[in-house]
PDB file of all heavy atoms in Angstrom:
ATOM      1  N   GLN A   1       0.267   4.730  -4.096  1.00  0.00           N
ATOM      2  CA  GLN A   1       0.702   3.388  -4.435  1.00  0.00           C
ATOM      3  C   GLN A   1       2.199   3.249  -4.317  1.00  0.00           C
ATOM      4  O   GLN A   1       2.714   2.264  -3.766  1.00  0.00           O
ATOM      5  CB  GLN A   1       0.263   3.071  -5.852  1.00  0.00           C
ATOM      6  CG  GLN A   1       0.535   1.624  -6.318  1.00  0.00           C
ATOM      7  CD  GLN A   1      -0.297   0.606  -5.579  1.00  0.00           C
ATOM      8  OE1 GLN A   1      -1.512   0.591  -5.741  1.00  0.00           O
ATOM      9  NE2 GLN A   1       0.327  -0.231  -4.796  1.00  0.00           N
ATOM     10  N   ARG A   2       2.918   4.210  -4.835  1.00  0.00           N
ATOM     11  CA  ARG A   2       4.383   4.203  -4.788  1.00  0.00           C
ATOM     12  C   ARG A   2       4.880   4.201  -3.335  1.00  0.00           C
ATOM     13  O   ARG A   2       5.829   3.480  -3.001  1.00  0.00           O
ATOM     14  CB  ARG A   2       4.956   5.382  -5.556  1.00  0.00           C
ATOM     15  CG  ARG A   2       6.464   5.371  -5.693  1.00  0.00           C
ATOM     16  CD  ARG A   2       6.986   6.707  -6.266  1.00  0.00           C
ATOM     17  NE  ARG A   2       6.282   7.013  -7.520  1.00  0.00           N
ATOM     18  CZ  ARG A   2       6.105   8.245  -7.951  1.00  0.00           C
ATOM     19  NH1 ARG A   2       6.515   9.261  -7.276  1.00  0.00           N
ATOM     20  NH2 ARG A   2       5.457   8.442  -9.105  1.00  0.00           N
ATOM     21  N   THR A   3       4.271   5.038  -2.529  1.00  0.00           N
ATOM     22  CA  THR A   3       4.701   5.165  -1.114  1.00  0.00           C
ATOM     23  C   THR A   3       4.426   3.857  -0.354  1.00  0.00           C
ATOM     24  O   THR A   3       5.244   3.379   0.448  1.00  0.00           O
ATOM     25  CB  THR A   3       3.994   6.334  -0.455  1.00  0.00           C
ATOM     26  OG1 THR A   3       4.207   7.541  -1.239  1.00  0.00           O
ATOM     27  CG2 THR A   3       4.553   6.575   0.966  1.00  0.00           C
ATOM     28  N   VAL A   4       3.227   3.282  -0.544  1.00  0.00           N
ATOM     29  CA  VAL A   4       2.903   2.024   0.106  1.00  0.00           C
ATOM     30  C   VAL A   4       3.868   0.944  -0.320  1.00  0.00           C
ATOM     31  O   VAL A   4       4.307   0.127   0.524  1.00  0.00           O
ATOM     32  CB  VAL A   4       1.442   1.645  -0.223  1.00  0.00           C
ATOM     33  CG1 VAL A   4       1.170   0.199   0.229  1.00  0.00           C
ATOM     34  CG2 VAL A   4       0.463   2.613   0.449  1.00  0.00           C
ATOM     35  N   ASP A   5       4.222   0.868  -1.587  1.00  0.00           N
ATOM     36  CA  ASP A   5       5.148  -0.135  -2.068  1.00  0.00           C
ATOM     37  C   ASP A   5       6.483  -0.048  -1.313  1.00  0.00           C
ATOM     38  O   ASP A   5       7.120  -1.053  -1.001  1.00  0.00           O
ATOM     39  CB  ASP A   5       5.422   0.019  -3.581  1.00  0.00           C
ATOM     40  CG  ASP A   5       4.233  -0.468  -4.398  1.00  0.00           C
ATOM     41  OD1 ASP A   5       3.349  -1.156  -3.852  1.00  0.00           O
ATOM     42  OD2 ASP A   5       4.176  -0.104  -5.597  1.00  0.00           O
ATOM     43  N   LEU A   6       6.929   1.171  -1.018  1.00  0.00           N
ATOM     44  CA  LEU A   6       8.213   1.341  -0.334  1.00  0.00           C
ATOM     45  C   LEU A   6       8.191   0.695   1.041  1.00  0.00           C
ATOM     46  O   LEU A   6       9.188   0.113   1.477  1.00  0.00           O
ATOM     47  CB  LEU A   6       8.524   2.834  -0.207  1.00  0.00           C
ATOM     48  CG  LEU A   6       8.900   3.581  -1.484  1.00  0.00           C
ATOM     49  CD1 LEU A   6       9.019   5.081  -1.185  1.00  0.00           C
ATOM     50  CD2 LEU A   6      10.202   3.059  -2.074  1.00  0.00           C
ATOM     51  N   PHE A   7       7.045   0.789   1.727  1.00  0.00           N
ATOM     52  CA  PHE A   7       6.948   0.207   3.066  1.00  0.00           C
ATOM     53  C   PHE A   7       6.539  -1.280   3.014  1.00  0.00           C
ATOM     54  O   PHE A   7       7.133  -2.104   3.723  1.00  0.00           O
ATOM     55  CB  PHE A   7       5.908   0.992   3.898  1.00  0.00           C
ATOM     56  CG  PHE A   7       6.350   2.292   4.362  1.00  0.00           C
ATOM     57  CD1 PHE A   7       6.032   3.447   3.649  1.00  0.00           C
ATOM     58  CD2 PHE A   7       7.131   2.448   5.512  1.00  0.00           C
ATOM     59  CE1 PHE A   7       6.433   4.699   4.072  1.00  0.00           C
ATOM     60  CE2 PHE A   7       7.557   3.672   5.935  1.00  0.00           C
ATOM     61  CZ  PHE A   7       7.234   4.795   5.216  1.00  0.00           C
ATOM     62  N   GLN A   8       5.581  -1.585   2.152  1.00  0.00           N
ATOM     63  CA  GLN A   8       5.016  -2.924   2.115  1.00  0.00           C
ATOM     64  C   GLN A   8       6.024  -3.987   1.737  1.00  0.00           C
ATOM     65  O   GLN A   8       6.067  -5.072   2.326  1.00  0.00           O
ATOM     66  CB  GLN A   8       3.831  -2.988   1.171  1.00  0.00           C
ATOM     67  CG  GLN A   8       2.995  -4.240   1.254  1.00  0.00           C
ATOM     68  CD  GLN A   8       1.760  -4.150   0.368  1.00  0.00           C
ATOM     69  OE1 GLN A   8       1.668  -3.264  -0.495  1.00  0.00           O
ATOM     70  NE2 GLN A   8       0.827  -5.048   0.545  1.00  0.00           N
ATOM     71  N   SER A   9       6.903  -3.671   0.803  1.00  0.00           N
ATOM     72  CA  SER A   9       7.874  -4.645   0.307  1.00  0.00           C
ATOM     73  C   SER A   9       9.068  -4.805   1.252  1.00  0.00           C
ATOM     74  O   SER A   9       9.878  -5.681   1.055  1.00  0.00           O
ATOM     75  CB  SER A   9       8.356  -4.253  -1.100  1.00  0.00           C
ATOM     76  OG  SER A   9       7.306  -4.226  -1.977  1.00  0.00           O
ATOM     77  N   ASN A  10       9.149  -3.941   2.249  1.00  0.00           N
ATOM     78  CA  ASN A  10      10.260  -4.019   3.195  1.00  0.00           C
ATOM     79  C   ASN A  10       9.728  -4.082   4.635  1.00  0.00           C
ATOM     80  O   ASN A  10      10.276  -3.421   5.508  1.00  0.00           O
ATOM     81  CB  ASN A  10      11.208  -2.850   3.020  1.00  0.00           C
ATOM     82  CG  ASN A  10      12.527  -3.068   3.739  1.00  0.00           C
ATOM     83  OD1 ASN A  10      13.056  -4.157   3.741  1.00  0.00           O
ATOM     84  ND2 ASN A  10      13.050  -1.993   4.319  1.00  0.00           N
ATOM     85  N   ASP A  11       8.650  -4.854   4.821  1.00  0.00           N
ATOM     86  CA  ASP A  11       8.021  -4.948   6.132  1.00  0.00           C
ATOM     87  C   ASP A  11       8.279  -6.359   6.674  1.00  0.00           C
ATOM     88  O   ASP A  11       7.525  -7.290   6.357  1.00  0.00           O
ATOM     89  CB  ASP A  11       6.503  -4.688   6.000  1.00  0.00           C
ATOM     90  CG  ASP A  11       5.792  -4.820   7.339  1.00  0.00           C
ATOM     91  OD1 ASP A  11       6.525  -4.899   8.388  1.00  0.00           O
ATOM     92  OD2 ASP A  11       4.559  -4.817   7.367  1.00  0.00           O
ATOM     93  N   PRO A  12       9.361  -6.536   7.455  1.00  0.00           N
ATOM     94  CA  PRO A  12       9.705  -7.894   7.919  1.00  0.00           C
ATOM     95  C   PRO A  12       8.639  -8.548   8.796  1.00  0.00           C
ATOM     96  O   PRO A  12       8.512  -9.748   8.825  1.00  0.00           O
ATOM     97  CB  PRO A  12      11.017  -7.670   8.660  1.00  0.00           C
ATOM     98  CG  PRO A  12      10.971  -6.247   9.088  1.00  0.00           C
ATOM     99  CD  PRO A  12      10.246  -5.532   8.000  1.00  0.00           C
ATOM    100  N   LYS A  13       7.864  -7.707   9.484  1.00  0.00           N
ATOM    101  CA  LYS A  13       6.841  -8.256  10.389  1.00  0.00           C
ATOM    102  C   LYS A  13       5.495  -8.474   9.699  1.00  0.00           C
ATOM    103  O   LYS A  13       4.554  -9.009  10.295  1.00  0.00           O
ATOM    104  CB  LYS A  13       6.682  -7.322  11.603  1.00  0.00           C
ATOM    105  CG  LYS A  13       7.974  -7.208  12.444  1.00  0.00           C
ATOM    106  CD  LYS A  13       7.727  -6.386  13.692  1.00  0.00           C
ATOM    107  CE  LYS A  13       8.982  -6.292  14.535  1.00  0.00           C
ATOM    108  NZ  LYS A  13       8.794  -5.500  15.778  1.00  0.00           N
ATOM    109  N   LYS A  14       5.377  -7.991   8.443  1.00  0.00           N
ATOM    110  CA  LYS A  14       4.216  -8.251   7.593  1.00  0.00           C
ATOM    111  C   LYS A  14       2.910  -7.846   8.252  1.00  0.00           C
ATOM    112  O   LYS A  14       2.069  -8.645   8.584  1.00  0.00           O
ATOM    113  CB  LYS A  14       4.163  -9.759   7.259  1.00  0.00           C
ATOM    114  CG  LYS A  14       5.358 -10.267   6.457  1.00  0.00           C
ATOM    115  CD  LYS A  14       5.486  -9.519   5.136  1.00  0.00           C
ATOM    116  CE  LYS A  14       6.657 -10.013   4.341  1.00  0.00           C
ATOM    117  NZ  LYS A  14       6.890  -9.251   3.080  1.00  0.00           N
ATOM    118  N   ALA A  15       2.787  -6.546   8.430  1.00  0.00           N
ATOM    119  CA  ALA A  15       1.476  -6.005   8.806  1.00  0.00           C
ATOM    120  C   ALA A  15       0.477  -6.259   7.679  1.00  0.00           C
ATOM    121  O   ALA A  15       0.868  -6.445   6.536  1.00  0.00           O
ATOM    122  CB  ALA A  15       1.577  -4.499   9.097  1.00  0.00           C
ATOM    123  N   VAL A  16      -0.802  -6.245   8.002  1.00  0.00           N
ATOM    124  CA  VAL A  16      -1.834  -6.440   6.985  1.00  0.00           C
ATOM    125  C   VAL A  16      -2.122  -5.090   6.317  1.00  0.00           C
ATOM    126  O   VAL A  16      -2.496  -4.118   7.007  1.00  0.00           O
ATOM    127  CB  VAL A  16      -3.117  -7.019   7.659  1.00  0.00           C
ATOM    128  CG1 VAL A  16      -4.196  -7.146   6.586  1.00  0.00           C
ATOM    129  CG2 VAL A  16      -2.843  -8.347   8.292  1.00  0.00           C
ATOM    130  N   TRP A  17      -1.926  -5.028   5.010  1.00  0.00           N
ATOM    131  CA  TRP A  17      -2.152  -3.777   4.239  1.00  0.00           C
ATOM    132  C   TRP A  17      -3.437  -3.944   3.426  1.00  0.00           C
ATOM    133  O   TRP A  17      -3.672  -4.926   2.753  1.00  0.00           O
ATOM    134  CB  TRP A  17      -0.995  -3.533   3.305  1.00  0.00           C
ATOM    135  CG  TRP A  17       0.283  -3.167   4.003  1.00  0.00           C
ATOM    136  CD1 TRP A  17       1.168  -4.038   4.532  1.00  0.00           C
ATOM    137  CD2 TRP A  17       0.798  -1.861   4.223  1.00  0.00           C
ATOM    138  NE1 TRP A  17       2.255  -3.343   5.087  1.00  0.00           N
ATOM    139  CE2 TRP A  17       2.055  -2.003   4.900  1.00  0.00           C
ATOM    140  CE3 TRP A  17       0.349  -0.581   3.893  1.00  0.00           C
ATOM    141  CZ2 TRP A  17       2.814  -0.927   5.299  1.00  0.00           C
ATOM    142  CZ3 TRP A  17       1.137   0.519   4.279  1.00  0.00           C
ATOM    143  CH2 TRP A  17       2.351   0.323   4.943  1.00  0.00           C
ATOM    144  N   GLN A  18      -4.259  -2.910   3.517  1.00  0.00           N
ATOM    145  CA  GLN A  18      -5.502  -2.857   2.714  1.00  0.00           C
ATOM    146  C   GLN A  18      -5.542  -1.579   1.916  1.00  0.00           C
ATOM    147  O   GLN A  18      -5.486  -0.497   2.497  1.00  0.00           O
ATOM    148  CB  GLN A  18      -6.704  -2.965   3.592  1.00  0.00           C
ATOM    149  CG  GLN A  18      -6.854  -4.308   4.353  1.00  0.00           C
ATOM    150  CD  GLN A  18      -8.056  -4.360   5.265  1.00  0.00           C
ATOM    151  OE1 GLN A  18      -8.726  -3.386   5.513  1.00  0.00           O
ATOM    152  NE2 GLN A  18      -8.394  -5.557   5.711  1.00  0.00           N
ATOM    153  N   LEU A  19      -5.609  -1.667   0.587  1.00  0.00           N
ATOM    154  CA  LEU A  19      -5.667  -0.485  -0.273  1.00  0.00           C
ATOM    155  C   LEU A  19      -7.031  -0.419  -0.976  1.00  0.00           C
ATOM    156  O   LEU A  19      -7.466  -1.402  -1.595  1.00  0.00           O
ATOM    157  CB  LEU A  19      -4.564  -0.574  -1.386  1.00  0.00           C
ATOM    158  CG  LEU A  19      -3.252   0.169  -1.007  1.00  0.00           C
ATOM    159  CD1 LEU A  19      -2.540  -0.611   0.104  1.00  0.00           C
ATOM    160  CD2 LEU A  19      -2.350   0.246  -2.247  1.00  0.00           C
ATOM    161  N   HIS A  20      -7.674   0.714  -0.830  1.00  0.00           N
ATOM    162  CA  HIS A  20      -8.967   0.971  -1.466  1.00  0.00           C
ATOM    163  C   HIS A  20      -8.852   2.285  -2.186  1.00  0.00           C
ATOM    164  O   HIS A  20      -9.227   3.356  -1.651  1.00  0.00           O
ATOM    165  CB  HIS A  20     -10.112   0.984  -0.429  1.00  0.00           C
ATOM    166  CG  HIS A  20     -10.196  -0.263   0.370  1.00  0.00           C
ATOM    167  ND1 HIS A  20     -10.592  -1.472  -0.087  1.00  0.00           N
ATOM    168  CD2 HIS A  20      -9.881  -0.473   1.726  1.00  0.00           C
ATOM    169  CE1 HIS A  20     -10.567  -2.391   0.864  1.00  0.00           C
ATOM    170  NE2 HIS A  20     -10.117  -1.778   1.977  1.00  0.00           N
ATOM    171  N   LEU A  21      -8.299   2.244  -3.413  1.00  0.00           N
ATOM    172  CA  LEU A  21      -8.028   3.485  -4.173  1.00  0.00           C
ATOM    173  C   LEU A  21      -9.165   3.710  -5.185  1.00  0.00           C
ATOM    174  O   LEU A  21      -9.469   2.813  -5.967  1.00  0.00           O
ATOM    175  CB  LEU A  21      -6.693   3.413  -4.869  1.00  0.00           C
ATOM    176  CG  LEU A  21      -5.470   3.146  -3.964  1.00  0.00           C
ATOM    177  CD1 LEU A  21      -4.215   3.123  -4.780  1.00  0.00           C
ATOM    178  CD2 LEU A  21      -5.372   4.182  -2.861  1.00  0.00           C
ATOM    179  N   GLU A  22      -9.788   4.898  -5.143  1.00  0.00           N
ATOM    180  CA  GLU A  22     -10.841   5.239  -6.034  1.00  0.00           C
ATOM    181  C   GLU A  22     -10.343   5.162  -7.481  1.00  0.00           C
ATOM    182  O   GLU A  22      -9.387   5.858  -7.878  1.00  0.00           O
ATOM    183  CB  GLU A  22     -11.357   6.660  -5.726  1.00  0.00           C
ATOM    184  CG  GLU A  22     -12.282   7.252  -6.754  1.00  0.00           C
ATOM    185  CD  GLU A  22     -13.569   6.502  -6.908  1.00  0.00           C
ATOM    186  OE1 GLU A  22     -14.237   6.245  -5.871  1.00  0.00           O
ATOM    187  OE2 GLU A  22     -13.865   6.109  -8.049  1.00  0.00           O
ATOM    188  N   ARG A  23     -10.979   4.328  -8.283  1.00  0.00           N
ATOM    189  CA  ARG A  23     -10.493   4.112  -9.676  1.00  0.00           C
ATOM    190  C   ARG A  23     -10.737   5.331 -10.556  1.00  0.00           C
ATOM    191  O   ARG A  23     -10.045   5.523 -11.536  1.00  0.00           O
ATOM    192  CB  ARG A  23     -11.147   2.881 -10.264  1.00  0.00           C
ATOM    193  CG  ARG A  23     -10.685   1.565  -9.594  1.00  0.00           C
ATOM    194  CD  ARG A  23     -11.114   0.378 -10.406  1.00  0.00           C
ATOM    195  NE  ARG A  23     -10.589   0.362 -11.771  1.00  0.00           N
ATOM    196  CZ  ARG A  23      -9.384  -0.053 -12.092  1.00  0.00           C
ATOM    197  NH1 ARG A  23      -8.571  -0.544 -11.158  1.00  0.00           N
ATOM    198  NH2 ARG A  23      -8.941  -0.070 -13.334  1.00  0.00           N
ATOM    199  N   ARG A  24     -11.735   6.125 -10.224  1.00  0.00           N
ATOM    200  CA  ARG A  24     -12.045   7.312 -11.022  1.00  0.00           C
ATOM    201  C   ARG A  24     -11.824   8.587 -10.149  1.00  0.00           C
ATOM    202  O   ARG A  24     -12.727   9.384  -9.959  1.00  0.00           O
ATOM    203  CB  ARG A  24     -13.474   7.253 -11.552  1.00  0.00           C
ATOM    204  CG  ARG A  24     -13.689   6.115 -12.521  1.00  0.00           C
ATOM    205  CD  ARG A  24     -15.076   6.127 -13.144  1.00  0.00           C
ATOM    206  NE  ARG A  24     -15.369   7.363 -13.830  1.00  0.00           N
ATOM    207  CZ  ARG A  24     -14.978   7.667 -15.087  1.00  0.00           C
ATOM    208  NH1 ARG A  24     -14.203   6.795 -15.740  1.00  0.00           N
ATOM    209  NH2 ARG A  24     -15.270   8.812 -15.635  1.00  0.00           N
ATOM    210  N   LEU A  25     -10.592   8.630  -9.600  1.00  0.00           N
ATOM    211  CA  LEU A  25     -10.271   9.761  -8.691  1.00  0.00           C
ATOM    212  C   LEU A  25     -10.146  11.038  -9.475  1.00  0.00           C
ATOM    213  O   LEU A  25      -9.623  11.108 -10.566  1.00  0.00           O
ATOM    214  CB  LEU A  25      -8.922   9.430  -8.021  1.00  0.00           C
ATOM    215  CG  LEU A  25      -8.577  10.344  -6.806  1.00  0.00           C
ATOM    216  CD1 LEU A  25      -9.563  10.095  -5.670  1.00  0.00           C
ATOM    217  CD2 LEU A  25      -7.145  10.088  -6.371  1.00  0.00           C
ATOM    218  N   PHE A  26     -10.698  12.100  -8.858  1.00  0.00           N
ATOM    219  CA  PHE A  26     -10.607  13.428  -9.491  1.00  0.00           C
ATOM    220  C   PHE A  26      -9.159  13.888  -9.543  1.00  0.00           C
ATOM    221  O   PHE A  26      -8.299  13.469  -8.759  1.00  0.00           O
ATOM    222  CB  PHE A  26     -11.416  14.470  -8.713  1.00  0.00           C
ATOM    223  CG  PHE A  26     -12.928  14.233  -8.801  1.00  0.00           C
ATOM    224  CD1 PHE A  26     -13.736  14.757  -7.801  1.00  0.00           C
ATOM    225  CD2 PHE A  26     -13.498  13.579  -9.864  1.00  0.00           C
ATOM    226  CE1 PHE A  26     -15.108  14.583  -7.848  1.00  0.00           C
ATOM    227  CE2 PHE A  26     -14.856  13.428  -9.947  1.00  0.00           C
ATOM    228  CZ  PHE A  26     -15.681  13.931  -8.915  1.00  0.00           C
TER     229      PHE A  26
END
């Protein structure tokens, strides 16, 4: 999540980001 935020918030061309993070991750 932290790494995606670094790229997503500074993406001038606005690629489409899709996050599917397992809520009960081991």
